[in-house]
């Protein structure tokens, strides 16, 4: 498994697994990490890759002291299902 990287040029976090990509598009605005879209390559769906990506994204937000604004329904649902991350919500 690869680590989640912050591709600042493309404003997205990326996780490469099995030669495929899962990513989360974001914007940093006034101390907030706004998650606009989370997507995993079709072959990664159902493997937990998107969840591993979200763990990396949320760890980065926590490390930077950012609040998270999940515009993406997947990101919002992930945070709802994992109560340990709810303190990151604005």
Protein backbone atom coordinates (compact mmCIF):
# COMPACT_ATOMS: atom_id res chain seq x y z
CA UNK A 1 0.00 0.00 0.00
CA UNK A 2 1.25 3.46 -0.86
CA UNK A 3 1.02 6.56 1.26
CA UNK A 4 -1.39 9.39 0.63
CA UNK A 5 0.36 12.35 -0.97
CA UNK A 6 -0.73 15.96 -1.24
CA UNK A 7 -0.45 16.92 -4.91
CA UNK A 8 -0.60 20.68 -4.38
CA UNK A 9 -0.24 21.40 -8.11
CA UNK A 10 -3.54 19.62 -8.76
CA UNK A 11 -5.13 20.53 -5.39
CA UNK A 12 -5.82 16.95 -4.52
CA UNK A 13 -4.70 14.18 -2.24
CA UNK A 14 -3.75 10.99 -4.04
CA UNK A 15 -3.34 7.35 -3.13
CA UNK A 16 -1.88 4.95 -5.66
CA UNK A 17 -2.62 1.26 -5.24
CA UNK A 18 -2.26 -1.55 -7.77
CA UNK A 19 -1.09 1.05 -10.28
CA UNK A 20 -4.43 2.86 -10.01
CA UNK A 21 -5.41 6.12 -8.34
CA UNK A 22 -7.86 7.25 -5.69
CA UNK A 23 -8.00 11.00 -5.15
CA UNK A 24 -9.73 13.75 -3.20
CA UNK A 25 -10.03 17.21 -4.76
CA UNK A 26 -9.79 20.01 -2.23
CA UNK A 27 -9.42 23.73 -1.61
CA UNK A 28 -7.73 25.28 1.41
CA UNK A 29 -9.73 28.32 2.50
CA UNK A 30 -9.27 30.27 5.75
CA UNK A 31 -8.13 27.38 7.93
CA UNK A 32 -10.50 24.92 6.31
CA UNK A 33 -9.95 21.97 4.00
CA UNK A 34 -12.94 21.89 1.65
CA UNK A 35 -13.33 18.41 0.13
CA UNK A 36 -15.13 18.81 -3.18
CA UNK A 37 -14.86 15.31 -4.64
CA UNK A 38 -13.49 11.87 -3.72
CA UNK A 39 -13.05 9.24 -6.41
CA UNK A 40 -11.39 5.86 -6.80
CA UNK A 41 -10.52 4.12 -10.04
CA UNK A 42 -13.15 1.46 -10.85
CA UNK A 43 -10.75 -1.42 -10.10
CA UNK A 44 -10.14 0.00 -6.60
CA UNK A 45 -13.82 0.28 -5.67
CA UNK A 46 -14.75 -2.14 -2.93
CA UNK A 47 -11.11 -2.61 -1.84
CA UNK A 48 -11.12 0.04 0.90
CA UNK A 49 -8.81 2.34 -1.06
CA UNK A 50 -11.13 5.34 -0.70
CA UNK A 51 -11.26 4.78 3.06
CA UNK A 52 -7.47 4.62 3.26
CA UNK A 53 -7.34 7.80 1.21
CA UNK A 54 -9.76 9.51 3.61
CA UNK A 55 -7.69 8.44 6.60
CA UNK A 56 -4.66 10.11 5.02
CA UNK A 57 -6.62 13.24 4.13
CA UNK A 58 -8.03 13.57 7.63
CA UNK A 59 -4.63 12.93 9.22
CA UNK A 60 -3.20 15.74 7.09
CA UNK A 61 -6.02 18.09 8.08
CA UNK A 62 -5.46 17.27 11.75
CA UNK A 63 -1.69 17.76 11.46
CA UNK A 64 -2.22 21.17 9.82
CA UNK A 65 -4.88 22.23 12.32
CA UNK A 66 -7.52 22.54 9.59
CA UNK A 67 -11.26 22.06 9.93
CA UNK A 68 -12.85 19.90 7.23
CA UNK A 69 -15.82 20.88 5.08
CA UNK A 70 -16.99 17.76 3.21
CA UNK A 71 -18.95 18.87 0.15
CA UNK A 72 -18.57 15.39 -1.34
CA UNK A 73 -21.22 12.94 -0.15
CA UNK A 74 -18.65 10.15 0.24
CA UNK A 75 -16.39 12.32 2.42
CA UNK A 76 -19.36 13.43 4.56
CA UNK A 77 -20.58 9.85 5.00
CA UNK A 78 -17.08 8.62 5.85
CA UNK A 79 -16.71 11.20 8.61
CA UNK A 80 -20.21 10.42 9.95
CA UNK A 81 -19.33 6.71 10.12
CA UNK A 82 -16.02 7.33 11.90
CA UNK A 83 -16.79 9.37 15.00
CA UNK A 84 -13.11 9.83 15.87
CA UNK A 85 -12.93 12.37 13.01
CA UNK A 86 -16.04 14.39 13.80
CA UNK A 87 -14.04 16.94 15.78
CA UNK A 88 -12.54 18.02 12.44
CA UNK A 89 -15.90 19.18 11.13
CA UNK A 90 -16.56 22.89 11.17
